[in-house]
Amino acid sequence: QVQLVESGGGLVQAGGSLRLSCAASSSIFSLLVMGWYRQAPGKQRELVATITSVGGTNYADSAKGRFTISRDNAKKTVYLQMNSLKPEDTAVYYCNAYHASWTTTYWGQGTQVTVSS
């Protein structure tokens, strides 16, 4: 079992920046695919970005050019740097952990990001 704890959310004005962090409690963190997802009120949860064990990244179109996902395997932490934030980025942001050998994935409790116009 993996426990994920997100932090770094908050209220920011449009055009501002936030850095989300997700600390994981897994001894095989360096082998995991880590991801950030978000869910806005009344909408389905959607992918924001993922990063593989070797640092390969994938971004939703809405995040490209503004968000950067990174990881620190020594700290067992994944980050999401969000710049040029827009009101439509307002959502609860969730951290996700996955390994190909698992039959399930793990989610954090979420952190609220609110962008005011």
Protein backbone atom coordinates (compact mmCIF):
# COMPACT_ATOMS: atom_id res chain seq x y z
CA GLN A 1 0.00 0.00 0.00
CA VAL A 2 1.15 3.52 -0.82
CA GLN A 3 0.20 6.66 1.06
CA LEU A 4 0.31 9.93 -0.80
CA VAL A 5 0.13 13.31 0.88
CA GLU A 6 -0.33 16.44 -1.23
CA SER A 7 0.47 19.97 -0.18
CA GLY A 8 0.96 23.40 -1.67
CA GLY A 9 -2.53 24.28 -2.81
CA GLY A 10 -4.14 27.60 -2.05
CA LEU A 11 -5.69 30.76 -3.42
CA VAL A 12 -3.80 32.68 -6.09
CA GLN A 13 -4.65 35.42 -8.55
CA ALA A 14 -4.77 34.76 -12.26
CA GLY A 15 -1.26 34.85 -13.71
CA GLY A 16 0.28 33.67 -10.48
CA SER A 17 2.15 30.48 -9.61
CA LEU A 18 1.87 27.59 -7.21
CA ARG A 19 4.02 24.55 -6.55
CA LEU A 20 2.28 21.38 -5.46
CA SER A 21 4.12 18.59 -3.69
CA CYS A 22 3.19 14.96 -3.14
CA ALA A 23 5.13 12.88 -0.64
CA ALA A 24 4.90 9.12 -1.04
CA SER A 25 5.44 6.33 1.44
CA SER A 26 6.69 3.68 -0.93
CA SER A 27 10.03 1.87 -0.83
CA ILE A 28 9.84 1.51 -4.61
CA PHE A 29 9.00 5.14 -5.30
CA SER A 30 11.73 5.44 -7.92
CA LEU A 31 10.03 2.69 -9.95
CA LEU A 32 6.56 4.26 -9.92
CA VAL A 33 4.77 6.29 -12.53
CA MET A 34 3.54 9.38 -10.72
CA GLY A 35 0.80 11.67 -11.90
CA TRP A 36 -1.21 14.76 -11.11
CA TYR A 37 -4.91 14.85 -11.85
CA ARG A 38 -7.55 17.45 -11.11
CA GLN A 39 -11.28 17.60 -10.61
CA ALA A 40 -13.30 20.77 -10.90
CA PRO A 41 -16.81 21.04 -9.43
CA GLY A 42 -19.32 19.17 -11.56
CA LYS A 43 -16.63 17.74 -13.83
CA GLN A 44 -14.83 14.43 -14.14
CA ARG A 45 -11.33 13.95 -12.84
CA GLU A 46 -8.81 14.64 -15.61
CA LEU A 47 -5.14 14.07 -16.23
CA VAL A 48 -2.81 17.02 -15.77
CA ALA A 49 0.63 15.43 -16.09
CA THR A 50 2.53 12.21 -15.51
CA ILE A 51 6.19 11.33 -15.03
CA THR A 52 7.71 7.90 -15.46
CA SER A 53 10.41 6.23 -13.40
CA VAL A 54 13.04 7.43 -15.88
CA GLY A 55 11.72 10.98 -16.05
CA GLY A 56 9.60 10.84 -19.16
CA THR A 57 6.75 13.32 -18.97
CA ASN A 58 3.31 13.68 -20.46
CA TYR A 59 1.01 16.70 -20.20
CA ALA A 60 -2.59 17.51 -20.92
CA ASP A 61 -2.93 20.12 -23.63
CA SER A 62 -4.23 22.56 -21.02
CA ALA A 63 -1.02 22.18 -19.02
CA LYS A 64 1.57 22.29 -21.78
CA GLY A 65 3.84 25.30 -21.58
CA ARG A 66 2.55 26.36 -18.17
CA PHE A 67 2.97 23.38 -15.83
CA THR A 68 6.05 21.28 -15.11
CA ILE A 69 6.03 17.91 -13.36
CA SER A 70 9.21 16.69 -11.69
CA ARG A 71 10.31 14.17 -9.11
CA ASP A 72 12.95 13.77 -6.42
CA ASN A 73 13.43 10.07 -5.81
CA ALA A 74 15.65 10.65 -2.77
CA LYS A 75 12.81 12.58 -1.12
CA LYS A 76 10.11 10.29 -2.56
CA THR A 77 8.30 13.39 -3.73
CA VAL A 78 6.72 14.51 -6.97
CA TYR A 79 6.09 18.17 -7.76
CA LEU A 80 3.84 20.16 -10.03
CA GLN A 81 5.03 23.68 -10.78
CA MET A 82 2.10 25.69 -12.10
CA ASN A 83 2.72 29.05 -13.74
CA SER A 84 0.45 31.52 -15.52
CA LEU A 85 -2.52 30.14 -13.66
CA LYS A 86 -6.00 30.74 -15.00
CA PRO A 87 -9.40 30.68 -13.29
CA GLU A 88 -10.18 27.50 -15.22
CA ASP A 89 -7.32 25.78 -13.38
CA THR A 90 -9.42 25.95 -10.23
CA ALA A 91 -9.89 22.38 -8.99
CA VAL A 92 -8.89 19.83 -6.42
CA TYR A 93 -5.54 18.42 -7.50
CA TYR A 94 -4.81 14.76 -6.76
CA CYS A 95 -1.56 12.86 -6.76
CA ASN A 96 -1.54 9.34 -8.22
CA ALA A 97 0.92 6.45 -8.03
CA TYR A 98 1.00 3.48 -10.38
CA HIS A 99 3.17 0.47 -11.14
CA ALA A 100 2.61 -1.87 -14.09
CA SER A 101 2.53 -4.90 -11.78
CA TRP A 102 -0.29 -3.47 -9.67
CA THR A 103 -3.99 -4.16 -10.11
CA THR A 104 -4.87 -0.79 -8.64
CA THR A 105 -3.52 2.73 -8.36
CA TYR A 106 -3.24 4.92 -5.32
CA TRP A 107 -4.57 8.43 -4.76
CA GLY A 108 -3.83 11.19 -2.31
CA GLN A 109 -6.51 13.12 -0.48
CA GLY A 110 -6.26 16.10 -2.81
CA THR A 111 -5.31 19.74 -2.41
CA GLN A 112 -7.51 22.66 -3.42
CA VAL A 113 -6.24 25.17 -5.95
CA THR A 114 -8.35 28.28 -6.46
CA VAL A 115 -7.42 30.88 -9.06
CA SER A 116 -9.25 34.20 -8.82
CA SER A 117 -9.78 36.47 -11.79
